[in-house]
């Protein structure tokens, strides 16, 4: 900021005015940057880079309220089998790497979807404009993905609905199916359960 064509006697007053104006502009810029940073921190899981549970709940609320209207909606819940064993045997740094790898698999498999870390080792994916067969094929890709940590793998449950007004039902069904898939895995691999 600057001033031109001023009287020398007004120099102190102009200097004070410019300093004050600069302070207010700088404060506004800093506040805007802080709000943007807080938005990121409140919506992104810092470990995996996918959206967090807070953002998941906000998105579901928008869909339930009708603010976000989606057709041909797929829901997938994906939970890691074997994370506890990786944490116990290799340490939490390896467990964190497994979580990052898992998020990467989901992002690669569902590029059109919204991916959320629901908590711990559980992820949820909202896939708009899909069909049941495509959703199931992608779930199979995720389930069979090599994560690079021994027999750690995904348990996946899905549900397809034609209208987003049925999202709560779809969330419930896909979560139940994921737990059924997890139970099958541990029946086949009892050595992995701790």
C-alpha atoms as a PDB file:
ATOM      1  CA  UNK A   1       0.000   0.000   0.000  1.00  0.00           C
ATOM      2  CA  UNK A   2       1.222   3.495  -0.686  1.00  0.00           C
ATOM      3  CA  UNK A   3       0.158   7.129  -0.805  1.00  0.00           C
ATOM      4  CA  UNK A   4       1.059   9.730  -3.434  1.00  0.00           C
ATOM      5  CA  UNK A   5       0.716  13.499  -3.749  1.00  0.00           C
ATOM      6  CA  UNK A   6       0.505  14.139  -0.007  1.00  0.00           C
ATOM      7  CA  UNK A   7       1.601  17.099   2.080  1.00  0.00           C
ATOM      8  CA  UNK A   8       4.730  16.540   4.174  1.00  0.00           C
ATOM      9  CA  UNK A   9       2.873  17.652   7.293  1.00  0.00           C
ATOM     10  CA  UNK A  10       0.472  14.658   6.837  1.00  0.00           C
ATOM     11  CA  UNK A  11       3.278  12.056   6.733  1.00  0.00           C
ATOM     12  CA  UNK A  12       2.774  10.696  10.254  1.00  0.00           C
ATOM     13  CA  UNK A  13      -1.014  10.451   9.825  1.00  0.00           C
ATOM     14  CA  UNK A  14      -0.668   8.723   6.427  1.00  0.00           C
ATOM     15  CA  UNK A  15       1.924   6.321   7.820  1.00  0.00           C
ATOM     16  CA  UNK A  16      -0.377   5.357  10.718  1.00  0.00           C
ATOM     17  CA  UNK A  17      -3.343   4.921   8.364  1.00  0.00           C
ATOM     18  CA  UNK A  18      -1.354   2.700   5.997  1.00  0.00           C
ATOM     19  CA  UNK A  19       0.003   0.592   8.879  1.00  0.00           C
ATOM     20  CA  UNK A  20      -3.494   0.142  10.306  1.00  0.00           C
ATOM     21  CA  UNK A  21      -4.969  -0.766   6.903  1.00  0.00           C
ATOM     22  CA  UNK A  22      -2.129  -3.237   6.289  1.00  0.00           C
ATOM     23  CA  UNK A  23      -2.751  -4.836   9.685  1.00  0.00           C
ATOM     24  CA  UNK A  24      -6.484  -5.331   8.940  1.00  0.00           C
ATOM     25  CA  UNK A  25      -5.848  -6.757   5.456  1.00  0.00           C
ATOM     26  CA  UNK A  26      -3.173  -9.112   6.813  1.00  0.00           C
ATOM     27  CA  UNK A  27      -5.482 -10.219   9.627  1.00  0.00           C
ATOM     28  CA  UNK A  28      -8.268 -11.009   7.160  1.00  0.00           C
ATOM     29  CA  UNK A  29      -5.916 -13.042   4.969  1.00  0.00           C
ATOM     30  CA  UNK A  30      -4.566 -14.945   7.992  1.00  0.00           C
ATOM     31  CA  UNK A  31      -8.099 -15.663   9.245  1.00  0.00           C
ATOM     32  CA  UNK A  32      -9.134 -16.945   5.808  1.00  0.00           C
ATOM     33  CA  UNK A  33      -6.078 -19.226   5.611  1.00  0.00           C
ATOM     34  CA  UNK A  34      -6.773 -20.519   9.126  1.00  0.00           C
ATOM     35  CA  UNK A  35     -10.411 -21.306   8.266  1.00  0.00           C
ATOM     36  CA  UNK A  36      -9.300 -23.198   5.162  1.00  0.00           C
ATOM     37  CA  UNK A  37      -6.788 -25.184   7.235  1.00  0.00           C
ATOM     38  CA  UNK A  38      -9.429 -25.966   9.871  1.00  0.00           C
ATOM     39  CA  UNK A  39     -11.787 -27.173   7.114  1.00  0.00           C
ATOM     40  CA  UNK A  40      -9.105 -29.597   5.915  1.00  0.00           C
ATOM     41  CA  UNK A  41      -8.344 -30.782   9.462  1.00  0.00           C
ATOM     42  CA  UNK A  42     -12.038 -31.325  10.193  1.00  0.00           C
ATOM     43  CA  UNK A  43     -12.711 -33.312   7.022  1.00  0.00           C
ATOM     44  CA  UNK A  44      -9.555 -35.235   6.045  1.00  0.00           C
ATOM     45  CA  UNK A  45      -7.996 -38.182   7.849  1.00  0.00           C
ATOM     46  CA  UNK A  46      -4.394 -37.049   8.210  1.00  0.00           C
ATOM     47  CA  UNK A  47      -2.941 -40.581   8.135  1.00  0.00           C
ATOM     48  CA  UNK A  48      -4.620 -41.940   5.012  1.00  0.00           C
ATOM     49  CA  UNK A  49      -5.614 -38.796   3.121  1.00  0.00           C
ATOM     50  CA  UNK A  50      -9.215 -39.933   2.640  1.00  0.00           C
ATOM     51  CA  UNK A  51     -12.148 -38.131   4.213  1.00  0.00           C
ATOM     52  CA  UNK A  52     -12.735 -38.725   7.917  1.00  0.00           C
ATOM     53  CA  UNK A  53     -15.746 -39.809   9.966  1.00  0.00           C
ATOM     54  CA  UNK A  54     -16.864 -36.222  10.527  1.00  0.00           C
ATOM     55  CA  UNK A  55     -17.072 -35.610   6.788  1.00  0.00           C
ATOM     56  CA  UNK A  56     -18.760 -39.012   6.316  1.00  0.00           C
ATOM     57  CA  UNK A  57     -21.489 -38.051   8.787  1.00  0.00           C
ATOM     58  CA  UNK A  58     -21.925 -34.664   7.105  1.00  0.00           C
ATOM     59  CA  UNK A  59     -22.258 -36.310   3.695  1.00  0.00           C
ATOM     60  CA  UNK A  60     -24.790 -38.844   4.940  1.00  0.00           C
ATOM     61  CA  UNK A  61     -26.779 -36.029   6.574  1.00  0.00           C
ATOM     62  CA  UNK A  62     -26.825 -34.127   3.263  1.00  0.00           C
ATOM     63  CA  UNK A  63     -28.031 -37.237   1.434  1.00  0.00           C
ATOM     64  CA  UNK A  64     -30.701 -38.052   4.037  1.00  0.00           C
ATOM     65  CA  UNK A  65     -31.975 -34.446   4.005  1.00  0.00           C
ATOM     66  CA  UNK A  66     -32.240 -34.512   0.210  1.00  0.00           C
ATOM     67  CA  UNK A  67     -29.584 -31.826  -0.250  1.00  0.00           C
ATOM     68  CA  UNK A  68     -27.461 -34.377  -2.169  1.00  0.00           C
ATOM     69  CA  UNK A  69     -29.731 -36.496  -4.352  1.00  0.00           C
ATOM     70  CA  UNK A  70     -28.061 -39.499  -5.912  1.00  0.00           C
ATOM     71  CA  UNK A  71     -29.392 -42.243  -8.160  1.00  0.00           C
ATOM     72  CA  UNK A  72     -28.059 -45.770  -8.460  1.00  0.00           C
ATOM     73  CA  UNK A  73     -26.060 -45.547  -5.283  1.00  0.00           C
ATOM     74  CA  UNK A  74     -23.569 -48.111  -4.068  1.00  0.00           C
ATOM     75  CA  UNK A  75     -22.331 -48.351  -0.488  1.00  0.00           C
ATOM     76  CA  UNK A  76     -19.295 -50.392   0.481  1.00  0.00           C
ATOM     77  CA  UNK A  77     -17.917 -51.002   3.958  1.00  0.00           C
ATOM     78  CA  UNK A  78     -14.354 -52.330   4.013  1.00  0.00           C
ATOM     79  CA  UNK A  79     -12.564 -53.446   7.162  1.00  0.00           C
ATOM     80  CA  UNK A  80      -9.012 -54.744   7.461  1.00  0.00           C
ATOM     81  CA  UNK A  81      -8.529 -58.305   8.621  1.00  0.00           C
ATOM     82  CA  UNK A  82      -5.234 -58.696  10.439  1.00  0.00           C
ATOM     83  CA  UNK A  83      -4.351 -55.105  11.378  1.00  0.00           C
ATOM     84  CA  UNK A  84      -3.994 -56.017  15.058  1.00  0.00           C
ATOM     85  CA  UNK A  85      -1.550 -58.782  14.191  1.00  0.00           C
ATOM     86  CA  UNK A  86       0.498 -56.395  12.028  1.00  0.00           C
ATOM     87  CA  UNK A  87       0.550 -53.863  14.883  1.00  0.00           C
ATOM     88  CA  UNK A  88       1.530 -56.541  17.421  1.00  0.00           C
ATOM     89  CA  UNK A  89       4.144 -58.314  15.284  1.00  0.00           C
ATOM     90  CA  UNK A  90       5.644 -55.461  13.254  1.00  0.00           C
ATOM     91  CA  UNK A  91       4.770 -52.338  15.246  1.00  0.00           C
ATOM     92  CA  UNK A  92       2.349 -49.468  14.793  1.00  0.00           C
ATOM     93  CA  UNK A  93       4.417 -47.824  12.062  1.00  0.00           C
ATOM     94  CA  UNK A  94       3.765 -50.919   9.931  1.00  0.00           C
ATOM     95  CA  UNK A  95       0.096 -50.785  10.947  1.00  0.00           C
ATOM     96  CA  UNK A  96      -0.050 -47.174   9.766  1.00  0.00           C
ATOM     97  CA  UNK A  97       1.560 -48.213   6.473  1.00  0.00           C
ATOM     98  CA  UNK A  98      -1.085 -50.915   6.092  1.00  0.00           C
ATOM     99  CA  UNK A  99      -3.841 -48.345   6.633  1.00  0.00           C
ATOM    100  CA  UNK A 100      -2.289 -46.043   4.014  1.00  0.00           C
ATOM    101  CA  UNK A 101      -1.976 -48.961   1.590  1.00  0.00           C
ATOM    102  CA  UNK A 102      -5.610 -49.899   2.215  1.00  0.00           C
ATOM    103  CA  UNK A 103      -6.767 -46.337   1.510  1.00  0.00           C
ATOM    104  CA  UNK A 104      -4.734 -46.379  -1.706  1.00  0.00           C
ATOM    105  CA  UNK A 105      -6.400 -49.595  -2.855  1.00  0.00           C
ATOM    106  CA  UNK A 106      -9.838 -48.096  -2.241  1.00  0.00           C
ATOM    107  CA  UNK A 107      -8.937 -44.871  -4.063  1.00  0.00           C
ATOM    108  CA  UNK A 108      -7.618 -46.809  -7.050  1.00  0.00           C
ATOM    109  CA  UNK A 109     -10.624 -49.139  -7.180  1.00  0.00           C
ATOM    110  CA  UNK A 110     -13.312 -46.493  -6.573  1.00  0.00           C
ATOM    111  CA  UNK A 111     -11.976 -43.330  -8.284  1.00  0.00           C
ATOM    112  CA  UNK A 112     -15.533 -42.089  -8.781  1.00  0.00           C
ATOM    113  CA  UNK A 113     -16.498 -42.734  -5.159  1.00  0.00           C
ATOM    114  CA  UNK A 114     -16.234 -40.783  -1.933  1.00  0.00           C
ATOM    115  CA  UNK A 115     -13.972 -42.686   0.460  1.00  0.00           C
ATOM    116  CA  UNK A 116     -14.109 -42.202   4.216  1.00  0.00           C
ATOM    117  CA  UNK A 117     -12.137 -43.655   7.105  1.00  0.00           C
ATOM    118  CA  UNK A 118     -15.019 -44.442   9.422  1.00  0.00           C
ATOM    119  CA  UNK A 119     -12.643 -45.228  12.273  1.00  0.00           C
ATOM    120  CA  UNK A 120      -9.789 -47.536  13.164  1.00  0.00           C
ATOM    121  CA  UNK A 121      -9.399 -49.953  10.269  1.00  0.00           C
ATOM    122  CA  UNK A 122     -12.871 -49.466   8.798  1.00  0.00           C
ATOM    123  CA  UNK A 123     -13.579 -47.537   5.606  1.00  0.00           C
ATOM    124  CA  UNK A 124     -16.835 -46.608   3.890  1.00  0.00           C
ATOM    125  CA  UNK A 125     -17.308 -45.773   0.216  1.00  0.00           C
ATOM    126  CA  UNK A 126     -20.237 -43.982  -1.421  1.00  0.00           C
ATOM    127  CA  UNK A 127     -20.390 -44.718  -5.153  1.00  0.00           C
ATOM    128  CA  UNK A 128     -22.897 -42.710  -7.210  1.00  0.00           C
ATOM    129  CA  UNK A 129     -24.175 -43.709 -10.652  1.00  0.00           C
ATOM    130  CA  UNK A 130     -23.206 -47.357 -10.462  1.00  0.00           C
ATOM    131  CA  UNK A 131     -24.987 -50.681 -10.756  1.00  0.00           C
ATOM    132  CA  UNK A 132     -25.053 -53.735  -8.527  1.00  0.00           C
ATOM    133  CA  UNK A 133     -22.792 -55.851 -10.736  1.00  0.00           C
ATOM    134  CA  UNK A 134     -20.109 -53.148 -11.047  1.00  0.00           C
ATOM    135  CA  UNK A 135     -20.229 -52.510  -7.311  1.00  0.00           C
ATOM    136  CA  UNK A 136     -19.810 -56.211  -6.545  1.00  0.00           C
ATOM    137  CA  UNK A 137     -16.965 -56.584  -9.064  1.00  0.00           C
ATOM    138  CA  UNK A 138     -15.104 -53.699  -7.450  1.00  0.00           C
ATOM    139  CA  UNK A 139     -15.726 -55.171  -3.989  1.00  0.00           C
ATOM    140  CA  UNK A 140     -14.165 -58.422  -5.212  1.00  0.00           C
ATOM    141  CA  UNK A 141     -11.125 -56.490  -6.500  1.00  0.00           C
ATOM    142  CA  UNK A 142     -10.724 -54.860  -3.077  1.00  0.00           C
ATOM    143  CA  UNK A 143     -11.243 -58.155  -1.239  1.00  0.00           C
ATOM    144  CA  UNK A 144      -8.576 -59.864  -3.348  1.00  0.00           C
ATOM    145  CA  UNK A 145      -6.051 -57.010  -3.285  1.00  0.00           C
ATOM    146  CA  UNK A 146      -2.533 -57.761  -2.112  1.00  0.00           C
ATOM    147  CA  UNK A 147      -1.769 -55.331   0.694  1.00  0.00           C
ATOM    148  CA  UNK A 148       1.817 -56.427   1.248  1.00  0.00           C
ATOM    149  CA  UNK A 149       1.447 -57.379   4.917  1.00  0.00           C
ATOM    150  CA  UNK A 150       1.202 -61.158   4.995  1.00  0.00           C
ATOM    151  CA  UNK A 151      -2.379 -62.359   5.097  1.00  0.00           C
ATOM    152  CA  UNK A 152      -3.842 -58.961   5.999  1.00  0.00           C
ATOM    153  CA  UNK A 153      -6.766 -58.331   3.668  1.00  0.00           C
ATOM    154  CA  UNK A 154     -10.117 -56.618   3.375  1.00  0.00           C
ATOM    155  CA  UNK A 155     -13.504 -57.820   4.523  1.00  0.00           C
ATOM    156  CA  UNK A 156     -16.062 -56.072   2.302  1.00  0.00           C
ATOM    157  CA  UNK A 157     -19.818 -55.650   2.395  1.00  0.00           C
ATOM    158  CA  UNK A 158     -21.857 -53.824  -0.225  1.00  0.00           C
ATOM    159  CA  UNK A 159     -25.373 -52.699  -0.907  1.00  0.00           C
ATOM    160  CA  UNK A 160     -26.896 -51.093  -3.995  1.00  0.00           C
ATOM    161  CA  UNK A 161     -29.981 -48.867  -3.955  1.00  0.00           C
ATOM    162  CA  UNK A 162     -31.578 -47.020  -6.836  1.00  0.00           C
ATOM    163  CA  UNK A 163     -32.500 -43.960  -4.806  1.00  0.00           C
ATOM    164  CA  UNK A 164     -30.432 -42.135  -2.194  1.00  0.00           C
ATOM    165  CA  UNK A 165     -33.459 -41.881   0.110  1.00  0.00           C
ATOM    166  CA  UNK A 166     -32.658 -45.515   0.998  1.00  0.00           C
ATOM    167  CA  UNK A 167     -29.096 -44.749   2.113  1.00  0.00           C
ATOM    168  CA  UNK A 168     -29.637 -45.571   5.796  1.00  0.00           C
ATOM    169  CA  UNK A 169     -30.932 -49.014   4.864  1.00  0.00           C
ATOM    170  CA  UNK A 170     -27.987 -49.468   2.473  1.00  0.00           C
ATOM    171  CA  UNK A 171     -25.508 -48.466   5.190  1.00  0.00           C
ATOM    172  CA  UNK A 172     -26.985 -51.013   7.586  1.00  0.00           C
ATOM    173  CA  UNK A 173     -27.042 -53.847   5.037  1.00  0.00           C
ATOM    174  CA  UNK A 174     -23.510 -53.227   3.732  1.00  0.00           C
ATOM    175  CA  UNK A 175     -22.154 -53.051   7.296  1.00  0.00           C
ATOM    176  CA  UNK A 176     -23.817 -56.377   8.174  1.00  0.00           C
ATOM    177  CA  UNK A 177     -22.442 -57.979   4.999  1.00  0.00           C
ATOM    178  CA  UNK A 178     -18.948 -56.733   5.814  1.00  0.00           C
ATOM    179  CA  UNK A 179     -19.111 -58.367   9.255  1.00  0.00           C
ATOM    180  CA  UNK A 180     -20.342 -61.605   7.649  1.00  0.00           C
ATOM    181  CA  UNK A 181     -17.357 -61.486   5.272  1.00  0.00           C
ATOM    182  CA  UNK A 182     -15.021 -60.821   8.221  1.00  0.00           C
ATOM    183  CA  UNK A 183     -16.478 -63.785  10.115  1.00  0.00           C
ATOM    184  CA  UNK A 184     -15.920 -66.067   7.091  1.00  0.00           C
ATOM    185  CA  UNK A 185     -12.305 -64.944   6.891  1.00  0.00           C
ATOM    186  CA  UNK A 186     -11.601 -65.713  10.557  1.00  0.00           C
ATOM    187  CA  UNK A 187     -13.349 -69.100  10.292  1.00  0.00           C
ATOM    188  CA  UNK A 188     -10.991 -69.939   7.413  1.00  0.00           C
ATOM    189  CA  UNK A 189      -7.966 -68.374   9.180  1.00  0.00           C
ATOM    190  CA  UNK A 190      -8.416 -68.873  12.940  1.00  0.00           C
ATOM    191  CA  UNK A 191      -4.689 -68.274  13.479  1.00  0.00           C
ATOM    192  CA  UNK A 192      -5.239 -64.624  12.456  1.00  0.00           C
ATOM    193  CA  UNK A 193      -7.781 -63.923  15.187  1.00  0.00           C
ATOM    194  CA  UNK A 194      -6.377 -62.540  18.408  1.00  0.00           C
END
